[in-house]
Amino acid sequence: MSILMNKKYKQLLMGLLFDGIGMLSFVIPFVGEFSDIVWAPLSGWLMTRMYKGKVGKAAGIFTFVEEIIPGFDIIPSFTLMWLYTYVFKVAKKEQTIEV
C-alpha cells in the first residue's frame, strides 16, 4: 500500500510541475507561445509515460492539442488526468462494487 501511495502522490507532484511548466508561456506574452512548439510534443509524450494504456494515449493527444493551441495552456491537463485516475475512476469502481 505504501508503494502505491508513493506512486500516486509522486504523479500528482509531477503533474503539478508539468502543468506549471505549460503555463509558463503566459509569463512572456506572445513570445512564450512559441515555447509551446517544444513543450506540446514533450508534454504529450510525458503524459503517455505517466499513464499507460488507451487512457494515457488519449490523454497524451489531448495534452498535445491543449498545449499547441495558443491560450489553452490554462487547462491543467496533468492534474485533471491525476484526478480522473485516482479520484473519479476509483470512486466509480467502488460504487460499482457496492451495487
C-alpha atoms as a PDB file:
ATOM      1  CA  MET A   1       0.000   0.000   0.000  1.00  0.00           C
ATOM      2  CA  SER A   2       2.860   2.343   0.797  1.00  0.00           C
ATOM      3  CA  ILE A   3       4.387   1.939  -2.662  1.00  0.00           C
ATOM      4  CA  LEU A   4       1.035   2.703  -4.289  1.00  0.00           C
ATOM      5  CA  MET A   5       0.618   5.839  -2.188  1.00  0.00           C
ATOM      6  CA  ASN A   6       4.130   6.974  -3.081  1.00  0.00           C
ATOM      7  CA  LYS A   7       3.472   6.493  -6.809  1.00  0.00           C
ATOM      8  CA  LYS A   8       0.113   8.224  -6.508  1.00  0.00           C
ATOM      9  CA  TYR A   9       1.482  11.368  -4.885  1.00  0.00           C
ATOM     10  CA  LYS A  10       4.649  11.359  -6.961  1.00  0.00           C
ATOM     11  CA  GLN A  11       2.440  11.508 -10.067  1.00  0.00           C
ATOM     12  CA  LEU A  12       0.447  14.349  -8.506  1.00  0.00           C
ATOM     13  CA  LEU A  13       3.599  16.371  -7.795  1.00  0.00           C
ATOM     14  CA  MET A  14       4.991  15.683 -11.260  1.00  0.00           C
ATOM     15  CA  GLY A  15       1.641  16.622 -12.816  1.00  0.00           C
ATOM     16  CA  LEU A  16       1.520  19.915 -10.915  1.00  0.00           C
ATOM     17  CA  LEU A  17       5.076  20.648 -12.030  1.00  0.00           C
ATOM     18  CA  PHE A  18       4.299  19.848 -15.679  1.00  0.00           C
ATOM     19  CA  ASP A  19       1.112  21.938 -15.592  1.00  0.00           C
ATOM     20  CA  GLY A  20       3.168  24.799 -14.167  1.00  0.00           C
ATOM     21  CA  ILE A  21       5.723  24.465 -16.952  1.00  0.00           C
ATOM     22  CA  GLY A  22       2.906  24.505 -19.505  1.00  0.00           C
ATOM     23  CA  MET A  23       1.517  27.709 -18.013  1.00  0.00           C
ATOM     24  CA  LEU A  24       4.887  29.478 -18.128  1.00  0.00           C
ATOM     25  CA  SER A  25       4.134  30.633 -21.650  1.00  0.00           C
ATOM     26  CA  PHE A  26       1.728  33.156 -20.120  1.00  0.00           C
ATOM     27  CA  VAL A  27       4.640  34.874 -18.352  1.00  0.00           C
ATOM     28  CA  ILE A  28       6.008  36.392 -21.569  1.00  0.00           C
ATOM     29  CA  PRO A  29       3.065  37.340 -23.815  1.00  0.00           C
ATOM     30  CA  PHE A  30       3.353  36.299 -27.479  1.00  0.00           C
ATOM     31  CA  VAL A  31       6.976  35.113 -27.116  1.00  0.00           C
ATOM     32  CA  GLY A  32       6.009  32.445 -24.609  1.00  0.00           C
ATOM     33  CA  GLU A  33       3.555  30.879 -27.023  1.00  0.00           C
ATOM     34  CA  PHE A  34       6.483  29.847 -29.245  1.00  0.00           C
ATOM     35  CA  SER A  35       7.836  27.741 -26.389  1.00  0.00           C
ATOM     36  CA  ASP A  36       4.741  25.591 -26.806  1.00  0.00           C
ATOM     37  CA  ILE A  37       6.185  24.311 -30.081  1.00  0.00           C
ATOM     38  CA  VAL A  38       8.732  22.436 -27.975  1.00  0.00           C
ATOM     39  CA  TRP A  39       6.586  21.819 -24.885  1.00  0.00           C
ATOM     40  CA  ALA A  40       3.465  20.429 -26.636  1.00  0.00           C
ATOM     41  CA  PRO A  41       5.020  17.213 -28.019  1.00  0.00           C
ATOM     42  CA  LEU A  42       7.101  16.746 -24.871  1.00  0.00           C
ATOM     43  CA  SER A  43       4.063  17.097 -22.602  1.00  0.00           C
ATOM     44  CA  GLY A  44       2.086  14.645 -24.734  1.00  0.00           C
ATOM     45  CA  TRP A  45       4.904  12.130 -24.504  1.00  0.00           C
ATOM     46  CA  LEU A  46       5.249  12.642 -20.739  1.00  0.00           C
ATOM     47  CA  MET A  47       1.530  12.027 -20.284  1.00  0.00           C
ATOM     48  CA  THR A  48       1.730   8.701 -22.120  1.00  0.00           C
ATOM     49  CA  ARG A  49       4.667   7.687 -19.913  1.00  0.00           C
ATOM     50  CA  MET A  50       2.904   8.618 -16.677  1.00  0.00           C
ATOM     51  CA  TYR A  51      -0.406   6.924 -17.552  1.00  0.00           C
ATOM     52  CA  LYS A  52      -0.325   3.684 -19.519  1.00  0.00           C
ATOM     53  CA  GLY A  53      -2.851   2.175 -21.886  1.00  0.00           C
ATOM     54  CA  LYS A  54      -5.503   3.700 -24.096  1.00  0.00           C
ATOM     55  CA  VAL A  55      -6.450   6.295 -21.489  1.00  0.00           C
ATOM     56  CA  GLY A  56      -2.846   7.507 -21.301  1.00  0.00           C
ATOM     57  CA  LYS A  57      -2.583   7.714 -25.086  1.00  0.00           C
ATOM     58  CA  ALA A  58      -5.838   9.677 -25.310  1.00  0.00           C
ATOM     59  CA  ALA A  59      -4.662  11.996 -22.523  1.00  0.00           C
ATOM     60  CA  GLY A  60      -1.339  12.452 -24.344  1.00  0.00           C
ATOM     61  CA  ILE A  61      -3.129  13.533 -27.514  1.00  0.00           C
ATOM     62  CA  PHE A  62      -5.390  15.864 -25.525  1.00  0.00           C
ATOM     63  CA  THR A  63      -2.383  17.378 -23.733  1.00  0.00           C
ATOM     64  CA  PHE A  64      -0.523  17.902 -27.005  1.00  0.00           C
ATOM     65  CA  VAL A  65      -3.511  19.651 -28.598  1.00  0.00           C
ATOM     66  CA  GLU A  66      -4.188  21.715 -25.459  1.00  0.00           C
ATOM     67  CA  GLU A  67      -0.577  22.918 -25.317  1.00  0.00           C
ATOM     68  CA  ILE A  68      -0.151  23.620 -29.041  1.00  0.00           C
ATOM     69  CA  ILE A  69      -3.273  25.824 -29.316  1.00  0.00           C
ATOM     70  CA  PRO A  70      -2.485  29.342 -28.073  1.00  0.00           C
ATOM     71  CA  GLY A  71      -4.408  30.391 -24.975  1.00  0.00           C
ATOM     72  CA  PHE A  72      -5.404  26.897 -23.848  1.00  0.00           C
ATOM     73  CA  ASP A  73      -2.389  26.409 -21.581  1.00  0.00           C
ATOM     74  CA  ILE A  74      -4.548  27.371 -18.633  1.00  0.00           C
ATOM     75  CA  ILE A  75      -6.114  23.870 -18.665  1.00  0.00           C
ATOM     76  CA  PRO A  76      -4.255  21.744 -16.076  1.00  0.00           C
ATOM     77  CA  SER A  77      -4.364  18.532 -18.123  1.00  0.00           C
ATOM     78  CA  PHE A  78      -1.874  16.589 -15.964  1.00  0.00           C
ATOM     79  CA  THR A  79      -3.790  17.426 -12.792  1.00  0.00           C
ATOM     80  CA  LEU A  80      -7.109  16.557 -14.435  1.00  0.00           C
ATOM     81  CA  MET A  81      -5.704  13.202 -15.529  1.00  0.00           C
ATOM     82  CA  TRP A  82      -4.492  12.526 -11.984  1.00  0.00           C
ATOM     83  CA  LEU A  83      -7.961  13.359 -10.632  1.00  0.00           C
ATOM     84  CA  TYR A  84      -9.551  11.066 -13.211  1.00  0.00           C
ATOM     85  CA  THR A  85      -7.170   8.211 -12.387  1.00  0.00           C
ATOM     86  CA  TYR A  86      -7.074   8.416  -8.601  1.00  0.00           C
ATOM     87  CA  VAL A  87     -10.353  10.088  -7.605  1.00  0.00           C
ATOM     88  CA  PHE A  88     -13.140   9.730 -10.174  1.00  0.00           C
ATOM     89  CA  LYS A  89     -12.180   6.330 -11.590  1.00  0.00           C
ATOM     90  CA  VAL A  90     -11.669   4.864  -8.100  1.00  0.00           C
ATOM     91  CA  ALA A  91     -14.976   6.311  -6.869  1.00  0.00           C
ATOM     92  CA  LYS A  92     -16.791   4.838  -9.860  1.00  0.00           C
ATOM     93  CA  LYS A  93     -15.166   1.441  -9.274  1.00  0.00           C
ATOM     94  CA  GLU A  94     -16.164   1.493  -5.582  1.00  0.00           C
ATOM     95  CA  GLN A  95     -19.720   2.492  -6.471  1.00  0.00           C
ATOM     96  CA  THR A  96     -19.988  -0.416  -8.908  1.00  0.00           C
ATOM     97  CA  ILE A  97     -18.728  -2.881  -6.298  1.00  0.00           C
ATOM     98  CA  GLU A  98     -21.328  -1.744  -3.737  1.00  0.00           C
ATOM     99  CA  VAL A  99     -24.231  -2.370  -6.120  1.00  0.00           C
END
